[in-house]
Amino acid sequence: MSSKTKRITESAMLLAMAIVLELISKTFIPEQTFGGQITIVSMLPVLLISYRHGMKWGFVASFTYALLEMALGAKTVSSAFLPGFFGDDAMIVNAIAMCLLDYIVAYTVLALAGIFRNRIQKPGVSLMAGSLVALGARYLTHILSGYILFASWAEYYFTQDGFPAWGAKLVESLSPVGLGWVYSIVYNGMYMIPEMVFTAIVALVIARIPNVVKKIS
């Protein structure tokens, strides 16, 4: 088997593993009201592709993963193009923006996991740091998307029944623009920050297995 075939085969297996981990997560971890979910480090296999094979191939694999995520979220994606999801104004533009930001960009940036593969000598630290950068980039993408597309939900989110009292204080003290940004940071942080922490810890642990973090040129 040629090295190219091995790389494609390995990447396909890791992408499949990522999807399986996500599907398992969906069976027992509840999704947030407006989307987003903590998983059992489902993105770590994708991050490993970039670490093992480099960022150039990592972007190819991560883009493929983004398309797979769009397929998994087909119900949400298709709904975004229907009247009522974003309202009647700029519906198509918003739907396209959601596809680009929440899927294509948000998952393709996972390739950044390989950024330290040749800069930090300790594999565990290198993979952990790369994981934080990659998932941090995904988090920032969702923050931008959340502000652009869903900031209008900010007041409802912070004043809904059961939300802590500080939410109402935010609504009173912040401008609509500021409230929109805080809403997106808080909402997306509810699942992305735990995901970043769990993934970084597991990355550090599995890096103790030499074959897992073997770099392939």
Protein backbone atom coordinates (compact mmCIF):
# COMPACT_ATOMS: atom_id res chain seq x y z
CA MET A 1 0.00 0.00 0.00
CA SER A 2 1.44 3.40 -0.99
CA SER A 3 1.96 6.17 1.56
CA LYS A 4 -0.77 8.25 -0.09
CA THR A 5 -3.24 5.38 0.15
CA LYS A 6 -2.30 4.80 3.79
CA ARG A 7 -2.85 8.48 4.54
CA ILE A 8 -6.27 8.50 2.88
CA THR A 9 -7.28 5.26 4.59
CA GLU A 10 -6.14 6.42 8.01
CA SER A 11 -7.86 9.77 7.59
CA ALA A 12 -11.11 8.10 6.54
CA MET A 13 -10.99 5.87 9.61
CA LEU A 14 -10.35 8.82 11.94
CA LEU A 15 -13.15 10.85 10.35
CA ALA A 16 -15.49 7.91 10.78
CA MET A 17 -14.40 7.62 14.41
CA ALA A 18 -15.18 11.32 14.93
CA ILE A 19 -18.68 10.89 13.54
CA VAL A 20 -19.30 7.77 15.67
CA LEU A 21 -18.17 9.58 18.83
CA GLU A 22 -20.53 12.45 18.03
CA LEU A 23 -23.47 10.14 17.38
CA ILE A 24 -22.82 8.30 20.65
CA SER A 25 -22.66 11.65 22.44
CA LYS A 26 -26.07 12.60 21.06
CA THR A 27 -27.65 9.55 22.67
CA PHE A 28 -27.01 10.68 26.25
CA ILE A 29 -25.76 14.30 26.25
CA PRO A 30 -28.56 16.83 25.69
CA GLU A 31 -28.14 19.42 22.96
CA GLN A 32 -28.52 23.09 23.85
CA THR A 33 -31.75 24.89 22.99
CA PHE A 34 -30.42 26.68 19.92
CA GLY A 35 -27.84 24.08 18.91
CA GLY A 36 -24.40 23.16 20.14
CA GLN A 37 -23.41 20.23 22.32
CA ILE A 38 -20.64 18.89 24.50
CA THR A 39 -19.32 15.61 23.07
CA ILE A 40 -17.02 12.84 24.20
CA VAL A 41 -14.05 14.52 22.50
CA SER A 42 -15.51 13.73 19.08
CA MET A 43 -13.19 16.18 17.30
CA LEU A 44 -9.97 14.69 18.65
CA PRO A 45 -9.65 12.15 15.79
CA VAL A 46 -9.83 15.05 13.30
CA LEU A 47 -7.20 16.97 15.25
CA LEU A 48 -4.94 13.90 15.14
CA ILE A 49 -5.04 13.91 11.33
CA SER A 50 -3.54 17.39 11.23
CA TYR A 51 -0.99 16.56 13.90
CA ARG A 52 0.16 13.33 12.26
CA HIS A 53 0.12 14.43 8.63
CA GLY A 54 0.59 18.18 8.83
CA MET A 55 -1.72 21.14 8.43
CA LYS A 56 -1.88 21.06 4.63
CA TRP A 57 -3.47 17.62 4.63
CA GLY A 58 -5.26 18.56 7.83
CA PHE A 59 -7.19 21.27 6.01
CA VAL A 60 -8.30 18.77 3.38
CA ALA A 61 -9.49 16.34 6.05
CA SER A 62 -11.10 19.06 8.17
CA PHE A 63 -12.97 20.46 5.17
CA THR A 64 -14.25 16.94 4.47
CA TYR A 65 -15.32 16.73 8.11
CA ALA A 66 -17.15 20.04 7.73
CA LEU A 67 -19.14 18.60 4.82
CA LEU A 68 -19.95 15.51 6.88
CA GLU A 69 -21.15 17.74 9.72
CA MET A 70 -23.40 19.58 7.27
CA ALA A 71 -24.83 16.23 6.20
CA LEU A 72 -25.46 15.29 9.85
CA GLY A 73 -27.12 18.66 10.40
CA ALA A 74 -29.13 18.47 7.17
CA LYS A 75 -32.39 19.08 9.02
CA THR A 76 -31.13 22.34 10.53
CA VAL A 77 -29.40 23.40 7.32
CA SER A 78 -32.50 22.85 5.20
CA SER A 79 -34.69 24.59 7.78
CA ALA A 80 -32.48 27.67 7.63
CA PHE A 81 -33.53 28.20 4.01
CA LEU A 82 -37.25 28.13 4.88
CA PRO A 83 -39.31 31.22 5.79
CA GLY A 84 -39.49 31.81 9.51
CA PHE A 85 -36.09 30.48 10.59
CA PHE A 86 -34.39 33.88 10.30
CA GLY A 87 -37.50 35.87 9.51
CA ASP A 88 -38.27 37.19 6.05
CA ASP A 89 -35.42 39.71 5.81
CA ALA A 90 -32.23 38.49 4.14
CA MET A 91 -33.31 34.89 4.73
CA ILE A 92 -31.12 33.33 2.01
CA VAL A 93 -28.11 35.48 2.93
CA ASN A 94 -28.38 34.49 6.60
CA ALA A 95 -28.84 30.83 5.74
CA ILE A 96 -25.72 30.85 3.56
CA ALA A 97 -23.80 32.71 6.27
CA MET A 98 -24.84 30.06 8.79
CA CYS A 99 -23.62 27.26 6.52
CA LEU A 100 -20.30 28.99 5.96
CA LEU A 101 -19.60 30.05 9.56
CA ASP A 102 -21.20 27.31 11.66
CA TYR A 103 -20.12 24.45 9.42
CA ILE A 104 -17.51 25.11 6.72
CA VAL A 105 -15.27 27.54 8.62
CA ALA A 106 -15.99 26.23 12.14
CA TYR A 107 -14.87 22.70 11.32
CA THR A 108 -12.20 23.41 8.70
CA VAL A 109 -10.20 25.42 11.25
CA LEU A 110 -9.68 22.19 13.21
CA ALA A 111 -6.68 21.73 10.93
CA LEU A 112 -4.88 24.26 13.13
CA ALA A 113 -4.28 21.38 15.56
CA GLY A 114 -1.06 20.68 13.69
CA ILE A 115 0.33 24.16 14.19
CA PHE A 116 2.83 23.11 16.88
CA ARG A 117 3.77 19.66 15.54
CA ASN A 118 7.29 20.83 14.61
CA ARG A 119 7.53 23.70 17.09
CA ILE A 120 7.02 21.93 20.44
CA GLN A 121 9.12 18.83 20.97
CA LYS A 122 6.97 17.12 23.60
CA PRO A 123 4.15 15.37 21.68
CA GLY A 124 1.62 15.66 24.49
CA VAL A 125 2.16 19.38 24.96
CA SER A 126 2.25 19.94 21.21
CA LEU A 127 -1.02 18.11 20.57
CA MET A 128 -2.70 19.67 23.60
CA ALA A 129 -1.68 23.19 22.59
CA GLY A 130 -2.73 22.58 19.00
CA SER A 131 -6.08 21.26 20.20
CA LEU A 132 -6.69 24.42 22.22
CA VAL A 133 -5.81 26.62 19.24
CA ALA A 134 -8.02 24.64 16.85
CA LEU A 135 -11.03 24.47 19.15
CA GLY A 136 -10.46 28.06 20.19
CA ALA A 137 -10.67 29.05 16.54
CA ARG A 138 -13.91 27.10 16.23
CA TYR A 139 -15.26 28.86 19.32
CA LEU A 140 -14.40 32.29 17.87
CA THR A 141 -16.15 31.36 14.62
CA HIS A 142 -19.32 30.43 16.50
CA ILE A 143 -19.12 33.66 18.50
CA LEU A 144 -19.04 35.64 15.25
CA SER A 145 -21.88 33.61 13.79
CA GLY A 146 -23.92 33.90 16.97
CA TYR A 147 -23.61 37.67 16.99
CA ILE A 148 -24.34 38.14 13.29
CA LEU A 149 -27.24 35.72 13.06
CA PHE A 150 -28.74 35.21 16.50
CA ALA A 151 -28.08 38.35 18.58
CA SER A 152 -31.81 39.14 18.47
CA TRP A 153 -32.34 36.24 20.92
CA ALA A 154 -30.03 37.78 23.53
CA GLU A 155 -32.68 39.52 25.64
CA TYR A 156 -34.92 36.44 25.69
CA TYR A 157 -32.00 34.17 26.57
CA PHE A 158 -30.87 36.23 29.56
CA THR A 159 -34.38 36.85 30.92
CA GLN A 160 -35.99 33.43 30.41
CA ASP A 161 -37.43 31.59 33.41
CA GLY A 162 -34.77 29.87 35.44
CA PHE A 163 -31.87 32.00 34.21
CA PRO A 164 -29.74 33.53 37.03
CA ALA A 165 -30.54 37.08 38.09
CA TRP A 166 -27.37 38.46 36.57
CA GLY A 167 -28.87 37.86 33.12
CA ALA A 168 -31.53 40.53 33.64
CA LYS A 169 -28.88 42.90 34.96
CA LEU A 170 -26.90 42.42 31.76
CA VAL A 171 -29.95 43.29 29.68
CA GLU A 172 -30.43 46.50 31.68
CA SER A 173 -26.80 47.58 31.64
CA LEU A 174 -25.58 46.73 28.13
CA SER A 175 -26.32 48.24 24.76
CA PRO A 176 -27.98 45.97 22.17
CA VAL A 177 -24.61 45.51 20.45
CA GLY A 178 -22.80 44.66 23.68
CA LEU A 179 -25.58 42.35 24.79
CA GLY A 180 -25.44 40.52 21.45
CA TRP A 181 -21.72 39.87 21.81
CA VAL A 182 -22.01 38.75 25.44
CA TYR A 183 -24.89 36.45 24.52
CA SER A 184 -22.88 34.77 21.80
CA ILE A 185 -19.80 34.42 24.00
CA VAL A 186 -21.80 32.96 26.89
CA TYR A 187 -24.07 30.71 24.85
CA ASN A 188 -21.34 29.17 22.72
CA GLY A 189 -18.99 29.01 25.68
CA MET A 190 -21.45 26.75 27.50
CA TYR A 191 -20.47 23.87 25.24
CA MET A 192 -17.21 24.96 23.58
CA ILE A 193 -15.21 25.71 26.74
CA PRO A 194 -15.88 22.29 28.35
CA GLU A 195 -15.17 20.67 24.96
CA MET A 196 -11.83 22.49 24.76
CA VAL A 197 -10.84 21.45 28.27
CA PHE A 198 -11.86 17.79 27.90
CA THR A 199 -10.22 17.47 24.49
CA ALA A 200 -6.96 19.04 25.69
CA ILE A 201 -6.80 16.68 28.67
CA VAL A 202 -7.49 13.56 26.60
CA ALA A 203 -4.99 14.74 23.97
CA LEU A 204 -2.31 14.98 26.64
CA VAL A 205 -3.16 11.49 27.90
CA ILE A 206 -3.25 9.67 24.57
CA ALA A 207 -0.01 11.31 23.51
CA ARG A 208 1.70 8.87 25.88
CA ILE A 209 1.02 6.20 23.25
CA PRO A 210 3.89 6.69 20.76
CA ASN A 211 2.09 5.32 17.71
CA VAL A 212 -0.84 7.66 18.20
CA VAL A 213 1.26 10.81 17.93
CA LYS A 214 3.73 9.54 15.36
CA LYS A 215 4.33 12.29 12.81
CA ILE A 216 4.14 11.19 9.18
CA SER A 217 5.71 13.46 6.60
